[in-house]
Every structure is written in structure tokens, then in C-alpha cells.
Protein backbone atom coordinates (compact mmCIF):
# COMPACT_ATOMS: atom_id res chain seq x y z
CA MET A 1 16.12 55.91 12.68
CA ARG A 2 18.95 53.37 12.32
CA SER A 3 16.74 50.68 13.92
CA LEU A 4 13.98 51.39 11.56
CA LEU A 5 16.24 50.96 8.36
CA LEU A 6 17.59 47.80 9.73
CA PHE A 7 14.18 46.35 10.32
CA ILE A 8 13.04 47.25 6.67
CA ALA A 9 16.36 45.88 5.28
CA PHE A 10 15.69 42.59 7.17
CA PHE A 11 12.02 42.46 6.17
CA PHE A 12 13.00 42.94 2.49
CA VAL A 13 15.75 40.25 2.64
CA THR A 14 13.62 37.93 4.32
CA ASP A 15 10.62 38.18 2.20
CA THR A 16 12.77 38.06 -0.97
CA PHE A 17 14.09 34.80 0.44
CA LEU A 18 10.81 33.33 1.21
CA ALA A 19 9.75 34.24 -2.34
CA GLN A 20 12.47 32.29 -3.73
CA GLU A 21 11.71 29.22 -1.86
CA LYS A 22 9.75 26.37 -3.72
CA GLN A 23 7.12 23.95 -2.53
CA ALA A 24 6.14 21.06 -4.50
CA PHE A 25 2.80 20.07 -2.51
CA VAL A 26 0.48 20.99 0.17
CA ILE A 27 -1.71 18.62 1.89
CA TYR A 28 -5.28 19.43 2.79
CA ASN A 29 -8.23 17.85 4.59
CA GLU A 30 -11.62 17.41 3.07
CA GLU A 31 -12.66 20.81 4.05
CA GLY A 32 -9.76 22.54 2.18
CA GLU A 33 -7.67 23.21 5.24
CA LYS A 34 -3.96 23.00 5.28
CA VAL A 35 -2.66 19.93 7.30
CA SER A 36 0.84 18.55 8.06
CA TYR A 37 2.33 15.20 6.90
CA ALA A 38 2.35 14.21 10.65
CA ASP A 39 -1.52 14.78 10.74
CA LEU A 40 -1.65 12.53 7.35
CA LEU A 41 0.68 9.83 9.27
CA ASP A 42 -1.41 9.92 12.51
CA ALA A 43 -4.78 9.44 10.73
CA THR A 44 -3.58 6.68 8.55
CA SER A 45 -1.89 4.82 11.29
CA ASN A 46 -5.12 4.58 13.08
CA SER A 47 -7.11 3.27 10.07
CA ASP A 48 -7.68 -0.25 8.93
CA ILE A 49 -7.38 0.54 5.41
CA VAL A 50 -5.92 3.51 3.55
CA LEU A 51 -7.14 3.96 -0.20
CA PHE A 52 -4.11 6.13 -1.67
CA GLY A 53 -5.55 7.46 -5.05
CA GLU A 54 -3.09 8.45 -7.37
CA SER A 55 -2.75 9.68 -11.11
CA HIS A 56 -0.39 6.89 -12.53
CA ASN A 57 2.08 9.40 -13.99
CA SER A 58 2.74 11.54 -10.81
CA ALA A 59 6.33 11.08 -9.62
CA MET A 60 5.66 12.99 -6.65
CA ILE A 61 2.62 10.89 -5.44
CA HIS A 62 4.72 7.79 -6.05
CA TRP A 63 7.43 9.16 -3.76
CA LEU A 64 4.85 10.09 -1.18
CA GLU A 65 3.24 6.48 -1.55
CA TYR A 66 6.64 5.17 -0.77
CA GLU A 67 7.18 7.44 2.21
CA LEU A 68 3.88 6.69 3.84
CA ILE A 69 4.32 3.16 3.64
CA ALA A 70 7.92 3.29 5.01
CA ASP A 71 6.80 5.60 7.97
CA LEU A 72 3.65 3.41 8.64
CA PHE A 73 6.02 0.37 8.97
CA VAL A 74 7.93 2.04 11.52
CA LYS A 75 4.94 3.00 13.55
CA GLU A 76 2.97 -0.43 12.80
CA LYS A 77 4.90 -3.58 11.90
CA ASN A 78 1.98 -5.33 10.98
CA LEU A 79 1.50 -3.63 7.95
CA GLY A 80 -0.08 -4.94 4.58
CA ILE A 81 0.04 -3.72 0.98
CA GLY A 82 -2.52 -3.99 -1.79
CA MET A 83 -1.94 -2.74 -5.37
CA GLU A 84 -4.20 -2.37 -8.23
CA MET A 85 -1.32 -2.96 -10.74
CA PHE A 86 -1.46 -6.60 -10.07
CA SER A 87 -4.38 -8.73 -10.68
CA ALA A 88 -5.62 -11.63 -8.05
CA ASP A 89 -4.55 -14.28 -10.62
CA GLN A 90 -0.98 -12.97 -10.64
CA GLN A 91 -0.33 -13.71 -6.84
CA ILE A 92 1.80 -16.75 -7.27
CA PRO A 93 4.45 -14.96 -9.28
CA VAL A 94 4.29 -11.80 -7.09
CA ASN A 95 4.89 -14.08 -3.97
CA ASN A 96 7.69 -15.89 -5.75
CA TYR A 97 9.51 -12.61 -6.36
CA LEU A 98 8.74 -11.36 -2.60
CA ALA A 99 10.38 -14.79 -1.38
CA ASP A 100 13.42 -14.20 -3.75
CA ASN A 101 12.75 -17.12 -5.77
CA ILE A 102 12.57 -15.14 -9.00
CA ASN A 103 14.43 -11.94 -9.93
CA PHE A 104 12.69 -8.85 -11.65
CA LYS A 105 13.36 -10.07 -15.16
CA GLN A 106 11.64 -13.30 -14.55
CA LEU A 107 8.70 -11.68 -12.93
CA GLN A 108 8.41 -9.28 -16.27
CA ASN A 109 8.41 -12.65 -18.15
CA GLU A 110 5.65 -14.02 -16.04
CA ILE A 111 3.42 -10.89 -15.75
CA ASP A 112 2.48 -8.39 -18.06
CA LEU A 113 3.52 -5.59 -16.00
CA TRP A 114 2.45 -1.87 -16.48
CA PRO A 115 4.94 -0.05 -18.62
CA ASN A 116 5.88 2.35 -15.93
CA PHE A 117 5.94 -0.37 -13.24
CA GLN A 118 9.74 -0.31 -12.94
CA THR A 119 10.17 3.32 -12.52
CA ASP A 120 6.95 3.98 -10.38
CA TYR A 121 6.09 0.98 -8.34
CA LEU A 122 9.12 -1.32 -8.08
CA GLN A 123 10.22 0.45 -5.09
CA VAL A 124 7.08 -0.31 -3.09
CA LEU A 125 7.44 -3.94 -4.06
CA ASP A 126 10.98 -4.09 -3.20
CA PHE A 127 10.21 -2.53 0.37
CA ALA A 128 7.73 -5.29 0.87
CA LYS A 129 10.17 -7.73 -0.25
CA GLU A 130 13.11 -6.39 1.97
CA ASN A 131 10.86 -5.98 5.10
CA GLU A 132 8.76 -9.42 4.46
CA LEU A 133 5.58 -7.68 4.18
CA MET A 134 2.57 -9.31 2.74
CA LEU A 135 1.95 -7.68 -0.77
CA ILE A 136 -1.38 -8.49 -2.58
CA GLY A 137 -2.74 -8.11 -6.15
CA THR A 138 -6.16 -6.73 -5.67
CA ASN A 139 -7.56 -6.19 -9.28
CA ALA A 140 -9.95 -8.45 -11.20
CA PRO A 141 -8.07 -10.31 -14.13
CA GLN A 142 -8.27 -7.94 -17.10
CA GLN A 143 -9.78 -10.28 -19.49
CA ILE A 144 -12.61 -11.25 -17.35
CA ALA A 145 -13.30 -7.43 -16.89
CA THR A 146 -13.14 -6.88 -20.67
CA ASN A 147 -15.46 -9.76 -21.16
CA VAL A 148 -17.98 -8.58 -18.60
CA TYR A 149 -17.99 -5.46 -20.87
CA LYS A 150 -18.19 -7.27 -24.18
CA LYS A 151 -20.23 -10.44 -23.24
CA GLY A 152 -23.41 -9.54 -21.43
CA GLY A 153 -22.24 -7.81 -17.99
CA PHE A 154 -22.12 -9.82 -14.87
CA SER A 155 -24.16 -12.66 -16.58
CA TYR A 156 -20.76 -13.55 -18.18
CA LEU A 157 -19.43 -14.67 -14.89
CA ASP A 158 -21.71 -17.66 -14.81
CA GLU A 159 -19.38 -18.99 -17.62
CA LEU A 160 -16.29 -18.91 -15.59
CA SER A 161 -14.63 -22.07 -13.86
CA LYS A 162 -14.54 -22.57 -10.31
CA LYS A 163 -10.98 -21.64 -10.27
CA GLU A 164 -11.60 -18.37 -12.17
CA LEU A 165 -14.04 -17.44 -9.64
CA GLU A 166 -11.73 -17.67 -6.87
CA PHE A 167 -10.21 -14.49 -8.09
CA LEU A 168 -13.39 -12.41 -7.79
CA PRO A 169 -15.83 -11.27 -5.09
CA PRO A 170 -18.55 -13.59 -4.44
CA ARG A 171 -21.89 -13.31 -6.21
CA PRO A 172 -24.15 -11.73 -6.79
CA ILE A 173 -21.90 -8.46 -6.90
CA PRO A 174 -23.75 -5.31 -5.49
CA PHE A 175 -24.00 -2.70 -8.13
CA ASP A 176 -25.36 0.76 -8.00
CA PRO A 177 -25.51 2.32 -11.58
CA GLU A 178 -26.78 5.66 -10.17
CA LEU A 179 -23.28 6.28 -8.15
CA PRO A 180 -21.99 9.60 -9.61
CA ALA A 181 -18.68 8.23 -10.65
CA TYR A 182 -20.36 5.47 -12.80
CA LYS A 183 -22.65 7.79 -14.24
CA LYS A 184 -19.89 10.36 -15.04
CA MET A 185 -17.88 7.28 -16.67
CA LYS A 186 -20.99 6.50 -19.01
CA LYS A 187 -21.37 10.10 -20.01
CA MET A 188 -17.74 10.39 -20.81
CA MET A 189 -17.68 7.10 -22.97
CA GLY A 190 -20.26 8.69 -25.11
CA VAL A 191 -21.97 6.53 -27.80
CA HIS A 192 -19.71 3.68 -26.88
CA ALA A 193 -21.28 3.67 -23.22
CA ASN A 194 -23.60 0.98 -21.77
CA ASP A 195 -24.34 -0.41 -18.52
CA ASP A 196 -22.01 -3.33 -19.08
CA ILE A 197 -18.97 -1.08 -19.48
CA VAL A 198 -19.69 0.41 -16.04
CA LYS A 199 -20.24 -3.08 -14.59
CA ALA A 200 -16.77 -4.04 -16.03
CA GLN A 201 -15.50 -0.89 -13.76
CA ALA A 202 -17.49 -2.00 -10.92
CA LEU A 203 -16.07 -5.61 -10.94
CA LYS A 204 -12.73 -4.03 -10.53
CA ASP A 205 -13.75 -1.88 -7.66
CA ALA A 206 -15.46 -4.71 -6.01
CA SER A 207 -12.50 -7.17 -6.58
CA MET A 208 -10.00 -4.67 -5.13
CA ALA A 209 -12.32 -3.99 -2.07
CA TYR A 210 -12.94 -7.78 -1.31
CA HIS A 211 -9.31 -8.77 -1.36
CA LEU A 212 -8.48 -5.76 0.94
CA THR A 213 -11.26 -6.95 3.50
CA ASP A 214 -9.37 -10.33 3.40
CA LEU A 215 -5.89 -8.49 3.98
CA ALA A 216 -7.39 -6.48 6.81
CA LYS A 217 -8.16 -9.64 8.67
CA GLU A 218 -4.69 -10.34 9.01
CA LYS A 219 -2.96 -6.84 9.23
CA GLN A 220 -3.52 -4.15 11.51
CA VAL A 221 -3.15 -1.23 8.67
CA VAL A 222 -3.44 -1.95 4.84
CA VAL A 223 -2.27 0.46 2.39
CA HIS A 224 -3.79 0.21 -1.12
CA ILE A 225 -2.38 1.88 -4.01
CA ASN A 226 -4.97 2.69 -6.74
CA GLY A 227 -6.18 4.98 -9.50
CA LYS A 228 -7.81 8.00 -7.71
CA TYR A 229 -10.85 7.55 -9.80
CA HIS A 230 -11.43 4.13 -8.10
CA SER A 231 -11.74 5.93 -4.59
CA ASP A 232 -12.53 9.68 -5.15
CA ASP A 233 -15.72 10.93 -3.60
CA HIS A 234 -15.88 7.88 -1.39
CA GLU A 235 -17.08 5.91 -4.08
CA GLY A 236 -15.66 3.06 -6.04
CA ILE A 237 -13.47 0.84 -3.84
CA PHE A 238 -14.57 2.60 -0.65
CA TRP A 239 -18.44 1.98 -1.62
CA TYR A 240 -17.68 -1.55 -2.05
CA LEU A 241 -15.70 -1.56 1.27
CA GLN A 242 -18.91 -0.36 2.97
CA GLN A 243 -20.97 -3.18 1.45
CA TYR A 244 -18.54 -5.91 2.58
CA ARG A 245 -17.33 -4.72 6.10
CA PRO A 246 -18.88 -1.48 7.00
CA GLU A 247 -17.31 -1.58 10.37
CA LEU A 248 -13.71 -1.18 8.84
CA LYS A 249 -12.12 2.60 9.35
CA VAL A 250 -10.92 3.52 5.92
CA GLN A 251 -9.27 6.68 5.24
CA THR A 252 -9.00 8.03 1.60
CA ILE A 253 -6.27 10.11 -0.06
CA SER A 254 -6.45 11.74 -3.41
CA MET A 255 -4.09 14.08 -5.47
CA VAL A 256 -4.73 17.19 -7.67
CA ASN A 257 -2.49 19.57 -9.78
CA GLN A 258 -2.82 23.18 -9.49
CA THR A 259 -0.95 26.45 -10.41
CA ASP A 260 -1.39 27.69 -7.00
CA ILE A 261 -1.15 25.05 -4.50
CA PHE A 262 -1.60 27.11 -1.55
CA THR A 263 -5.27 27.24 -1.85
CA LEU A 264 -7.19 24.17 -2.56
CA GLN A 265 -9.77 24.84 -5.16
CA GLU A 266 -13.35 24.37 -4.13
CA GLU A 267 -14.06 21.91 -6.80
CA HIS A 268 -11.45 19.62 -5.18
CA GLN A 269 -12.70 19.76 -1.65
CA ASP A 270 -14.38 16.70 -0.31
CA THR A 271 -12.84 14.43 -2.82
CA ALA A 272 -11.06 12.46 -0.15
CA ASP A 273 -10.05 12.70 3.72
CA PHE A 274 -6.75 14.11 2.59
CA ILE A 275 -6.07 15.76 -0.74
CA ILE A 276 -2.48 16.37 -1.84
CA CYS A 277 -2.05 19.38 -4.15
CA ILE A 278 0.92 19.33 -6.40
CA ASP A 279 2.43 21.84 -8.45
CA LYS A 280 1.24 21.29 -12.15
CA ASN A 281 4.84 21.60 -13.20
CA MET A 282 6.07 18.61 -11.29
CA THR A 283 7.59 15.87 -13.30
CA LYS A 284 5.54 13.29 -14.51
CA THR A 285 6.77 9.82 -15.55
CA TYR A 286 4.88 9.55 -19.00
């Protein structure tokens, strides 16, 4: 009897203790099965390109991006980094910062950085700087993308100078308006939507993919940080990587916020090779 009472007391205390533990995120594979961070690290270290899809205001995902990059660097020194947050025409000041020729304030003066760059992305840029890693801006110049929307779609690119075209993928740019992500985008835009606004998005996806293929020629593993809408459901950047270099092994990562992080909702399955499910109460940066 004494043994039984001790067992019950131990079980009650243990169960109460576990109930009080907090876990901020759980990692799932595309089938909705829980996997470990070690599984994620192993899969990404054996890839050519990793598309890390984020919500731009997620403090947790920015931490995980940094940790994955740091751990991949330990496993594979020949690592490259790409960022949606820089466009290809901003590479010279980025390189100057990486080479310690300018400081962060000077970088801010030369580039119109995202408002949350210092809090959310600077640590990745500084990691590349400290470890002498190649980090490139992959995005299309914003003004060009805007003009694709406002001035006639891809035909606007015919007006660009040879120098401006160097920041973009080669023409003609592949485009499939029937991709679900583009159809969804057009529907969400409502009365303001037309094919040209979708082409502006496609130009960004194509640009990011094309610049990543160049970086992958030099680096064993390339990690790219981008909004998850650019790579979810193996569309966007992923689709363009398939057009430009289908032989590359690409892993996709996405994220979702849920109240219950211990069961991935069915609607979130298959969005990426790995889905990071984060507690909806986790701090956001804006």
C-alpha cells in the first residue's frame, strides 16, 4: 500500500511539473509528423539550397534562422547566404559592410533598409561578416518590380538599360499565372488585381531564384531567408529554381502560429518540407 501511495504521489507531482513546462515551437515534416531539430539540420546540410520561409515579424523564427545558419556553418564551412531583404542592385554597399569598409550607420545611409532590419536581420548579416561568408541580396530592385505592375508587365523590361538588366534574370522570364499562389494573390487584391501585379511578384520570385542558382555554383549549401509566401507549397522561388536548375536539391521551411502547437492542423501540412509551428502568443517584433 505504501508503495502504491508513493507511486501515485510521484505520478501526480511529475504530471503537474510537465504541465507547467512551456514549449515555444514544434517542428513537423510535410506529413505533419513531429521531427527533431537534428532532423532539420541533417536534411538542410545535405541540400544545395534551403528556402527558409518566414513571417517577417516573428521573433522566434528570426532566432531559428540564425541558429540554423550558425549550425550549418559548423557542419559545412562552404556556406552561402541569400536574403530577400536586399535587392541585387544593393550588393556593393552590402559587400562594403561585410568587408568592414563601412559601418552600420553608413549602410543605413546608402540603403533603404527594412524598418525591422536592425532587430531582426542584422545578426545574420554580422554573422556573415564575422565568419567571412558570402551574403547576397537576391531580390529584384523594388522600382523595377513596381513599374512592371504599373507600366505594362514584363514588356516594361524592354525599356531598361543593360546595367539595370544585370540585376534581373534573363528574358523571357517564365511565368505561369495558373500557379495557385498567384491565383490566390490576384483574388486577394480584388478590384485592383490584374496579371501585371502578379507578374511583379513573379519577377521577384524569379530574381531570387536566379541569383540563388549563381550562388549555389560557388557554395556547398545556400540558405535563403524570404517571406514564406515566396516559397510555400513549393511555388514561387521553388518553382523558378525548378525552371533554372532542376537538378538542385532544395529543402523548404515554413512556419505557422497555432494555439495548440502539439498537433499540426491539416491545412498547414504539405506547405513545406519542414513546418515550424510556433505558439501564437510568441513575441512579435512589430
